[in-house]
Amino acid sequence: MKTIVNDDFRSLGDFIKSLPETFESGGTTLYKARNTVKKFICDGIDLIVKRYKRPNAVQRVVYTLFRPSKAARAYSYANILLDRGYATPTPIAYIEIKKGGLINECYFISTVTTDTPLYDALVETPDFDRELAAKLAQYVAQMHIDGVMHGDPNLNNILYHREADGTIRFTLIDTNRSTFKSNLSKSSCISNLVRLTHRRDLLEYLISRYAEYRKWDVDDTVRRVIEGLDNFEHRREVKYRLKQKYLK
């Protein structure tokens, strides 16, 4: 078992090393689907522990020999984001467990954030908060300018907090698929924007503000993102129908 622990949290080492044995029965489940996310408390510190879905045979080879595991990337990318001034829960540790010489199971441990997902404030609200949406568009635009791209920037993975003076602060979670480059191409940025939301009026507003911030042609940028969303939703529908037809 490989365990990497943040130097600031060495006192939690024994607890962290015990997680593969205690995870199933301990903690409070916050989310359970492909991955499982639980909240634990150790020495008065609230922790988030994410156990990733076990990789398939090909992924086990890839994560062992060619590419860092999801947990390793989550830990590394969180540190990169913090170094670049982008808020994300502090990475505490990650664990990799091998079976037959190949990675079979992995965990990522971080601090807890109490910030609120943008989904409820923007997607679930009929008359969405345009000030908040505009700030989000500027935030994502600046991220892209800085060469930072969240791999899945849906509005459950971008959280916010409004300070007493009205200042809005954003926090990123689920960042293991992020990309860091010195210069992101326009096409890659547009493809990334498609993932923000499926709510069309909100997406058009976000992309308009994003394009204005970057001094891009607004109509062209909105058109390209909406076309990308159309294609994404079409592919998803085709995939769903094929599963319904052949995997019943």
C-alpha atoms as a PDB file:
ATOM      1  CA  MET A   1       0.000   0.000   0.000  1.00  0.00           C
ATOM      2  CA  LYS A   2       1.320   3.430  -0.967  1.00  0.00           C
ATOM      3  CA  THR A   3       0.344   6.289   1.333  1.00  0.00           C
ATOM      4  CA  ILE A   4       1.348   9.918   0.772  1.00  0.00           C
ATOM      5  CA  VAL A   5       0.492  12.322   3.612  1.00  0.00           C
ATOM      6  CA  ASN A   6       0.718  16.116   3.629  1.00  0.00           C
ATOM      7  CA  ASP A   7       3.433  17.168   6.094  1.00  0.00           C
ATOM      8  CA  ASP A   8       0.943  19.433   7.884  1.00  0.00           C
ATOM      9  CA  PHE A   9      -1.230  16.403   8.728  1.00  0.00           C
ATOM     10  CA  ARG A  10       1.354  13.834   9.809  1.00  0.00           C
ATOM     11  CA  SER A  11      -0.507  13.393  13.099  1.00  0.00           C
ATOM     12  CA  LEU A  12      -3.332  11.743  11.138  1.00  0.00           C
ATOM     13  CA  GLY A  13      -1.016   9.137   9.633  1.00  0.00           C
ATOM     14  CA  ASP A  14      -2.301   6.124  11.573  1.00  0.00           C
ATOM     15  CA  PHE A  15      -5.927   7.024  10.882  1.00  0.00           C
ATOM     16  CA  ILE A  16      -5.215   7.500   7.180  1.00  0.00           C
ATOM     17  CA  LYS A  17      -3.413   4.170   6.880  1.00  0.00           C
ATOM     18  CA  SER A  18      -6.387   2.419   8.492  1.00  0.00           C
ATOM     19  CA  LEU A  19      -8.922   3.802   6.001  1.00  0.00           C
ATOM     20  CA  PRO A  20      -8.946   0.814   3.620  1.00  0.00           C
ATOM     21  CA  GLU A  21     -10.145  -1.309   6.560  1.00  0.00           C
ATOM     22  CA  THR A  22     -12.474   1.235   8.196  1.00  0.00           C
ATOM     23  CA  PHE A  23     -13.941   3.046   5.195  1.00  0.00           C
ATOM     24  CA  GLU A  24     -16.835   0.681   4.535  1.00  0.00           C
ATOM     25  CA  SER A  25     -18.225   0.734   8.079  1.00  0.00           C
ATOM     26  CA  GLY A  26     -17.067   4.155   9.277  1.00  0.00           C
ATOM     27  CA  GLY A  27     -17.842   7.771   8.545  1.00  0.00           C
ATOM     28  CA  THR A  28     -20.966   9.418   7.161  1.00  0.00           C
ATOM     29  CA  THR A  29     -21.826   8.787   3.523  1.00  0.00           C
ATOM     30  CA  LEU A  30     -22.283  11.997   1.530  1.00  0.00           C
ATOM     31  CA  TYR A  31     -22.397  10.517  -1.949  1.00  0.00           C
ATOM     32  CA  LYS A  32     -22.449   7.003  -3.350  1.00  0.00           C
ATOM     33  CA  ALA A  33     -22.551   6.157  -7.038  1.00  0.00           C
ATOM     34  CA  ARG A  34     -19.556   5.458  -9.253  1.00  0.00           C
ATOM     35  CA  ASN A  35     -17.346   6.811  -6.460  1.00  0.00           C
ATOM     36  CA  THR A  36     -18.112   6.955  -2.742  1.00  0.00           C
ATOM     37  CA  VAL A  37     -17.546  10.081  -0.648  1.00  0.00           C
ATOM     38  CA  LYS A  38     -17.658  10.010   3.150  1.00  0.00           C
ATOM     39  CA  LYS A  39     -17.052  12.447   5.975  1.00  0.00           C
ATOM     40  CA  PHE A  40     -14.865  11.358   8.889  1.00  0.00           C
ATOM     41  CA  ILE A  41     -13.753  13.139  12.047  1.00  0.00           C
ATOM     42  CA  CYS A  42     -10.282  12.472  13.443  1.00  0.00           C
ATOM     43  CA  ASP A  43      -8.688  14.402  16.316  1.00  0.00           C
ATOM     44  CA  GLY A  44     -11.392  17.039  15.952  1.00  0.00           C
ATOM     45  CA  ILE A  45     -10.638  17.562  12.255  1.00  0.00           C
ATOM     46  CA  ASP A  46     -13.396  17.064   9.672  1.00  0.00           C
ATOM     47  CA  LEU A  47     -12.147  15.083   6.689  1.00  0.00           C
ATOM     48  CA  ILE A  48     -13.553  14.163   3.303  1.00  0.00           C
ATOM     49  CA  VAL A  49     -12.518  10.727   2.045  1.00  0.00           C
ATOM     50  CA  LYS A  50     -13.232   9.759  -1.549  1.00  0.00           C
ATOM     51  CA  ARG A  51     -12.896   6.164  -2.648  1.00  0.00           C
ATOM     52  CA  TYR A  52     -12.729   5.894  -6.409  1.00  0.00           C
ATOM     53  CA  LYS A  53     -14.451   3.188  -8.387  1.00  0.00           C
ATOM     54  CA  ARG A  54     -12.135   0.254  -8.916  1.00  0.00           C
ATOM     55  CA  PRO A  55     -10.423   0.592 -12.294  1.00  0.00           C
ATOM     56  CA  ASN A  56     -10.974  -1.956 -15.033  1.00  0.00           C
ATOM     57  CA  ALA A  57      -8.162  -4.180 -16.293  1.00  0.00           C
ATOM     58  CA  VAL A  58      -6.865  -1.668 -18.847  1.00  0.00           C
ATOM     59  CA  GLN A  59      -7.043   1.236 -16.394  1.00  0.00           C
ATOM     60  CA  ARG A  60      -5.108  -0.769 -13.800  1.00  0.00           C
ATOM     61  CA  VAL A  61      -2.215  -1.120 -16.229  1.00  0.00           C
ATOM     62  CA  VAL A  62      -2.414   2.534 -17.285  1.00  0.00           C
ATOM     63  CA  TYR A  63      -2.528   3.886 -13.709  1.00  0.00           C
ATOM     64  CA  THR A  64       0.339   1.646 -12.625  1.00  0.00           C
ATOM     65  CA  LEU A  65       2.703   2.154 -15.556  1.00  0.00           C
ATOM     66  CA  PHE A  66       1.764   5.206 -17.609  1.00  0.00           C
ATOM     67  CA  ARG A  67      -0.385   7.713 -15.750  1.00  0.00           C
ATOM     68  CA  PRO A  68      -0.940   8.763 -12.118  1.00  0.00           C
ATOM     69  CA  SER A  69      -4.038   7.323 -10.471  1.00  0.00           C
ATOM     70  CA  LYS A  70      -7.111   9.499  -9.936  1.00  0.00           C
ATOM     71  CA  ALA A  71      -6.230   9.831  -6.260  1.00  0.00           C
ATOM     72  CA  ALA A  72      -2.634  10.860  -7.018  1.00  0.00           C
ATOM     73  CA  ARG A  73      -3.852  13.438  -9.531  1.00  0.00           C
ATOM     74  CA  ALA A  74      -6.463  14.784  -7.107  1.00  0.00           C
ATOM     75  CA  TYR A  75      -3.731  15.309  -4.505  1.00  0.00           C
ATOM     76  CA  SER A  76      -1.216  16.818  -6.924  1.00  0.00           C
ATOM     77  CA  TYR A  77      -3.699  19.031  -8.761  1.00  0.00           C
ATOM     78  CA  ALA A  78      -5.125  20.425  -5.522  1.00  0.00           C
ATOM     79  CA  ASN A  79      -1.630  21.575  -4.585  1.00  0.00           C
ATOM     80  CA  ILE A  80      -1.129  23.141  -8.020  1.00  0.00           C
ATOM     81  CA  LEU A  81      -4.443  24.998  -7.788  1.00  0.00           C
ATOM     82  CA  LEU A  82      -3.626  26.338  -4.338  1.00  0.00           C
ATOM     83  CA  ASP A  83      -0.175  27.426  -5.513  1.00  0.00           C
ATOM     84  CA  ARG A  84      -1.833  29.313  -8.385  1.00  0.00           C
ATOM     85  CA  GLY A  85      -4.293  31.056  -6.090  1.00  0.00           C
ATOM     86  CA  TYR A  86      -7.395  28.981  -6.827  1.00  0.00           C
ATOM     87  CA  ALA A  87      -9.276  27.815  -3.745  1.00  0.00           C
ATOM     88  CA  THR A  88      -9.860  24.096  -3.279  1.00  0.00           C
ATOM     89  CA  PRO A  89     -10.025  21.914  -0.152  1.00  0.00           C
ATOM     90  CA  THR A  90      -6.556  21.291   1.262  1.00  0.00           C
ATOM     91  CA  PRO A  91      -5.206  17.905   0.135  1.00  0.00           C
ATOM     92  CA  ILE A  92      -4.325  15.751   3.137  1.00  0.00           C
ATOM     93  CA  ALA A  93      -3.315  12.397   1.672  1.00  0.00           C
ATOM     94  CA  TYR A  94      -3.887   9.736  -0.922  1.00  0.00           C
ATOM     95  CA  ILE A  95      -3.707   5.958  -0.818  1.00  0.00           C
ATOM     96  CA  GLU A  96      -3.043   3.437  -3.578  1.00  0.00           C
ATOM     97  CA  ILE A  97      -3.500  -0.301  -3.094  1.00  0.00           C
ATOM     98  CA  LYS A  98      -2.135  -2.818  -5.564  1.00  0.00           C
ATOM     99  CA  LYS A  99      -3.299  -6.316  -6.350  1.00  0.00           C
ATOM    100  CA  GLY A 100      -1.195  -8.573  -8.506  1.00  0.00           C
ATOM    101  CA  GLY A 101       1.276  -5.721  -8.948  1.00  0.00           C
ATOM    102  CA  LEU A 102      -1.336  -3.344 -10.410  1.00  0.00           C
ATOM    103  CA  ILE A 103      -3.316  -0.520  -8.796  1.00  0.00           C
ATOM    104  CA  ASN A 104      -6.674  -1.878  -7.690  1.00  0.00           C
ATOM    105  CA  GLU A 105      -8.076   0.688  -5.254  1.00  0.00           C
ATOM    106  CA  CYS A 106      -7.353   4.295  -4.312  1.00  0.00           C
ATOM    107  CA  TYR A 107      -8.493   6.979  -1.882  1.00  0.00           C
ATOM    108  CA  PHE A 108      -8.139  10.757  -1.709  1.00  0.00           C
ATOM    109  CA  ILE A 109      -8.413  12.616   1.605  1.00  0.00           C
ATOM    110  CA  SER A 110      -8.947  16.369   1.955  1.00  0.00           C
ATOM    111  CA  THR A 111     -10.271  18.995   4.322  1.00  0.00           C
ATOM    112  CA  VAL A 112     -13.964  19.895   4.298  1.00  0.00           C
ATOM    113  CA  THR A 113     -15.419  22.966   2.620  1.00  0.00           C
ATOM    114  CA  THR A 114     -18.725  24.477   3.718  1.00  0.00           C
ATOM    115  CA  ASP A 115     -19.140  26.499   0.522  1.00  0.00           C
ATOM    116  CA  THR A 116     -22.326  26.037  -1.510  1.00  0.00           C
ATOM    117  CA  PRO A 117     -22.576  24.397  -4.960  1.00  0.00           C
ATOM    118  CA  LEU A 118     -23.594  26.855  -7.674  1.00  0.00           C
ATOM    119  CA  TYR A 119     -26.140  24.396  -9.046  1.00  0.00           C
ATOM    120  CA  ASP A 120     -28.915  25.333  -6.630  1.00  0.00           C
ATOM    121  CA  ALA A 121     -28.382  29.088  -6.945  1.00  0.00           C
ATOM    122  CA  LEU A 122     -28.174  29.139 -10.735  1.00  0.00           C
ATOM    123  CA  VAL A 123     -29.698  26.032 -12.307  1.00  0.00           C
ATOM    124  CA  GLU A 124     -32.531  25.347  -9.863  1.00  0.00           C
ATOM    125  CA  THR A 125     -33.601  28.989  -9.556  1.00  0.00           C
ATOM    126  CA  PRO A 126     -35.966  30.123 -12.368  1.00  0.00           C
ATOM    127  CA  ASP A 127     -34.747  33.730 -12.198  1.00  0.00           C
ATOM    128  CA  PHE A 128     -31.070  32.988 -11.657  1.00  0.00           C
ATOM    129  CA  ASP A 129     -28.740  35.431  -9.926  1.00  0.00           C
ATOM    130  CA  ARG A 130     -27.181  37.359 -12.812  1.00  0.00           C
ATOM    131  CA  GLU A 131     -24.554  39.015 -10.649  1.00  0.00           C
ATOM    132  CA  LEU A 132     -23.394  35.609  -9.430  1.00  0.00           C
ATOM    133  CA  ALA A 133     -23.478  34.195 -12.969  1.00  0.00           C
ATOM    134  CA  ALA A 134     -21.439  37.118 -14.314  1.00  0.00           C
ATOM    135  CA  LYS A 135     -18.832  36.674 -11.570  1.00  0.00           C
ATOM    136  CA  LEU A 136     -18.657  32.966 -12.390  1.00  0.00           C
ATOM    137  CA  ALA A 137     -18.143  33.695 -16.088  1.00  0.00           C
ATOM    138  CA  GLN A 138     -15.282  36.057 -15.272  1.00  0.00           C
ATOM    139  CA  TYR A 139     -13.795  33.499 -12.883  1.00  0.00           C
ATOM    140  CA  VAL A 140     -13.819  30.717 -15.488  1.00  0.00           C
ATOM    141  CA  ALA A 141     -12.454  33.084 -18.133  1.00  0.00           C
ATOM    142  CA  GLN A 142      -9.557  34.066 -15.878  1.00  0.00           C
ATOM    143  CA  MET A 143      -8.880  30.412 -15.106  1.00  0.00           C
ATOM    144  CA  HIS A 144      -8.569  29.698 -18.821  1.00  0.00           C
ATOM    145  CA  ILE A 145      -6.354  32.741 -19.341  1.00  0.00           C
ATOM    146  CA  ASP A 146      -4.137  31.424 -16.532  1.00  0.00           C
ATOM    147  CA  GLY A 147      -3.904  28.036 -18.251  1.00  0.00           C
ATOM    148  CA  VAL A 148      -6.119  26.232 -15.735  1.00  0.00           C
ATOM    149  CA  MET A 149      -8.934  24.025 -17.009  1.00  0.00           C
ATOM    150  CA  HIS A 150     -11.224  22.045 -14.714  1.00  0.00           C
ATOM    151  CA  GLY A 151     -11.947  18.710 -16.381  1.00  0.00           C
ATOM    152  CA  ASP A 152     -15.600  18.672 -15.306  1.00  0.00           C
ATOM    153  CA  PRO A 153     -16.691  22.243 -14.493  1.00  0.00           C
ATOM    154  CA  ASN A 154     -20.357  21.461 -13.909  1.00  0.00           C
ATOM    155  CA  LEU A 155     -21.994  23.663 -11.304  1.00  0.00           C
ATOM    156  CA  ASN A 156     -21.842  21.025  -8.581  1.00  0.00           C
ATOM    157  CA  ASN A 157     -18.048  21.108  -8.827  1.00  0.00           C
ATOM    158  CA  ILE A 158     -17.764  24.887  -8.472  1.00  0.00           C
ATOM    159  CA  LEU A 159     -18.812  26.186  -5.060  1.00  0.00           C
ATOM    160  CA  TYR A 160     -19.265  29.740  -3.849  1.00  0.00           C
ATOM    161  CA  HIS A 161     -19.367  31.836  -0.708  1.00  0.00           C
ATOM    162  CA  ARG A 162     -20.594  35.408  -0.397  1.00  0.00           C
ATOM    163  CA  GLU A 163     -18.579  37.430   2.103  1.00  0.00           C
ATOM    164  CA  ALA A 164     -20.175  39.972   4.454  1.00  0.00           C
ATOM    165  CA  ASP A 165     -19.098  42.804   2.145  1.00  0.00           C
ATOM    166  CA  GLY A 166     -20.742  41.101  -0.852  1.00  0.00           C
ATOM    167  CA  THR A 167     -17.535  39.731  -2.353  1.00  0.00           C
ATOM    168  CA  ILE A 168     -18.072  36.349  -4.026  1.00  0.00           C
ATOM    169  CA  ARG A 169     -15.429  33.665  -3.568  1.00  0.00           C
ATOM    170  CA  PHE A 170     -15.316  30.426  -5.578  1.00  0.00           C
ATOM    171  CA  THR A 171     -13.936  27.002  -4.647  1.00  0.00           C
ATOM    172  CA  LEU A 172     -13.182  24.068  -6.951  1.00  0.00           C
ATOM    173  CA  ILE A 173     -13.753  20.405  -6.092  1.00  0.00           C
ATOM    174  CA  ASP A 174     -13.411  17.099  -7.976  1.00  0.00           C
ATOM    175  CA  THR A 175     -10.358  18.396  -9.812  1.00  0.00           C
ATOM    176  CA  ASN A 176      -8.521  15.182 -10.724  1.00  0.00           C
ATOM    177  CA  ARG A 177      -9.214  15.665 -14.451  1.00  0.00           C
ATOM    178  CA  SER A 178      -7.876  19.219 -14.567  1.00  0.00           C
ATOM    179  CA  THR A 179      -5.430  20.455 -17.201  1.00  0.00           C
ATOM    180  CA  PHE A 180      -2.610  22.936 -16.709  1.00  0.00           C
ATOM    181  CA  LYS A 181      -0.985  24.543 -19.747  1.00  0.00           C
ATOM    182  CA  SER A 182       0.814  27.779 -20.501  1.00  0.00           C
ATOM    183  CA  ASN A 183      -1.680  28.544 -23.264  1.00  0.00           C
ATOM    184  CA  LEU A 184      -5.109  26.965 -23.742  1.00  0.00           C
ATOM    185  CA  SER A 185      -6.474  26.978 -27.286  1.00  0.00           C
ATOM    186  CA  LYS A 186      -9.774  28.693 -28.043  1.00  0.00           C
ATOM    187  CA  SER A 187     -11.328  25.423 -29.211  1.00  0.00           C
ATOM    188  CA  SER A 188     -10.356  23.632 -25.989  1.00  0.00           C
ATOM    189  CA  CYS A 189     -11.826  26.465 -23.913  1.00  0.00           C
ATOM    190  CA  ILE A 190     -15.085  26.321 -25.863  1.00  0.00           C
ATOM    191  CA  SER A 191     -15.277  22.541 -25.427  1.00  0.00           C
ATOM    192  CA  ASN A 192     -14.742  23.015 -21.703  1.00  0.00           C
ATOM    193  CA  LEU A 193     -17.509  25.628 -21.450  1.00  0.00           C
ATOM    194  CA  VAL A 194     -20.021  23.135 -22.850  1.00  0.00           C
ATOM    195  CA  ARG A 195     -19.811  21.255 -19.547  1.00  0.00           C
ATOM    196  CA  LEU A 196     -20.938  24.146 -17.359  1.00  0.00           C
ATOM    197  CA  THR A 197     -24.686  23.490 -17.552  1.00  0.00           C
ATOM    198  CA  HIS A 198     -27.473  22.059 -19.724  1.00  0.00           C
ATOM    199  CA  ARG A 199     -29.766  24.972 -18.884  1.00  0.00           C
ATOM    200  CA  ARG A 200     -29.724  26.929 -22.147  1.00  0.00           C
ATOM    201  CA  ASP A 201     -30.663  30.441 -20.989  1.00  0.00           C
ATOM    202  CA  LEU A 202     -28.113  30.277 -18.179  1.00  0.00           C
ATOM    203  CA  LEU A 203     -25.416  28.898 -20.462  1.00  0.00           C
ATOM    204  CA  GLU A 204     -25.991  31.612 -23.061  1.00  0.00           C
ATOM    205  CA  TYR A 205     -25.728  34.274 -20.358  1.00  0.00           C
ATOM    206  CA  LEU A 206     -22.539  32.750 -18.935  1.00  0.00           C
ATOM    207  CA  ILE A 207     -20.900  32.441 -22.345  1.00  0.00           C
ATOM    208  CA  SER A 208     -21.851  36.000 -23.300  1.00  0.00           C
ATOM    209  CA  ARG A 209     -20.190  37.364 -20.162  1.00  0.00           C
ATOM    210  CA  TYR A 210     -17.208  35.036 -20.665  1.00  0.00           C
ATOM    211  CA  ALA A 211     -16.730  36.232 -24.254  1.00  0.00           C
ATOM    212  CA  GLU A 212     -17.009  39.883 -23.211  1.00  0.00           C
ATOM    213  CA  TYR A 213     -14.332  39.363 -20.566  1.00  0.00           C
ATOM    214  CA  ARG A 214     -11.999  37.765 -23.106  1.00  0.00           C
ATOM    215  CA  LYS A 215     -12.917  40.255 -25.849  1.00  0.00           C
ATOM    216  CA  TRP A 216     -14.117  37.465 -28.119  1.00  0.00           C
ATOM    217  CA  ASP A 217     -17.013  37.781 -30.552  1.00  0.00           C
ATOM    218  CA  VAL A 218     -20.039  37.132 -28.328  1.00  0.00           C
ATOM    219  CA  ASP A 219     -22.441  35.754 -30.952  1.00  0.00           C
ATOM    220  CA  ASP A 220     -19.840  33.413 -32.439  1.00  0.00           C
ATOM    221  CA  THR A 221     -18.736  32.128 -29.039  1.00  0.00           C
ATOM    222  CA  VAL A 222     -22.306  31.483 -27.885  1.00  0.00           C
ATOM    223  CA  ARG A 223     -23.102  29.725 -31.178  1.00  0.00           C
ATOM    224  CA  ARG A 224     -20.072  27.434 -30.915  1.00  0.00           C
ATOM    225  CA  VAL A 225     -20.770  26.497 -27.299  1.00  0.00           C
ATOM    226  CA  ILE A 226     -24.462  25.780 -27.952  1.00  0.00           C
ATOM    227  CA  GLU A 227     -23.528  23.653 -30.971  1.00  0.00           C
ATOM    228  CA  GLY A 228     -21.109  21.785 -28.729  1.00  0.00           C
ATOM    229  CA  LEU A 229     -23.851  21.205 -26.174  1.00  0.00           C
ATOM    230  CA  ASP A 230     -26.211  19.950 -28.898  1.00  0.00           C
ATOM    231  CA  ASN A 231     -23.578  17.447 -30.031  1.00  0.00           C
ATOM    232  CA  PHE A 232     -22.825  16.382 -26.456  1.00  0.00           C
ATOM    233  CA  GLU A 233     -26.486  15.774 -25.649  1.00  0.00           C
ATOM    234  CA  HIS A 234     -27.010  13.903 -28.928  1.00  0.00           C
ATOM    235  CA  ARG A 235     -24.087  11.569 -28.209  1.00  0.00           C
ATOM    236  CA  ARG A 236     -25.389  10.968 -24.706  1.00  0.00           C
ATOM    237  CA  GLU A 237     -28.867  10.139 -26.019  1.00  0.00           C
ATOM    238  CA  VAL A 238     -27.468   7.706 -28.604  1.00  0.00           C
ATOM    239  CA  LYS A 239     -25.355   6.028 -25.936  1.00  0.00           C
ATOM    240  CA  TYR A 240     -28.374   5.733 -23.637  1.00  0.00           C
ATOM    241  CA  ARG A 241     -30.526   4.179 -26.365  1.00  0.00           C
ATOM    242  CA  LEU A 242     -27.829   1.662 -27.251  1.00  0.00           C
ATOM    243  CA  LYS A 243     -27.542   0.640 -23.610  1.00  0.00           C
ATOM    244  CA  GLN A 244     -31.308   0.262 -23.349  1.00  0.00           C
ATOM    245  CA  LYS A 245     -31.392  -1.845 -26.495  1.00  0.00           C
ATOM    246  CA  TYR A 246     -28.430  -4.150 -25.948  1.00  0.00           C
ATOM    247  CA  LEU A 247     -27.782  -4.235 -22.204  1.00  0.00           C
ATOM    248  CA  LYS A 248     -31.236  -5.044 -20.854  1.00  0.00           C
END
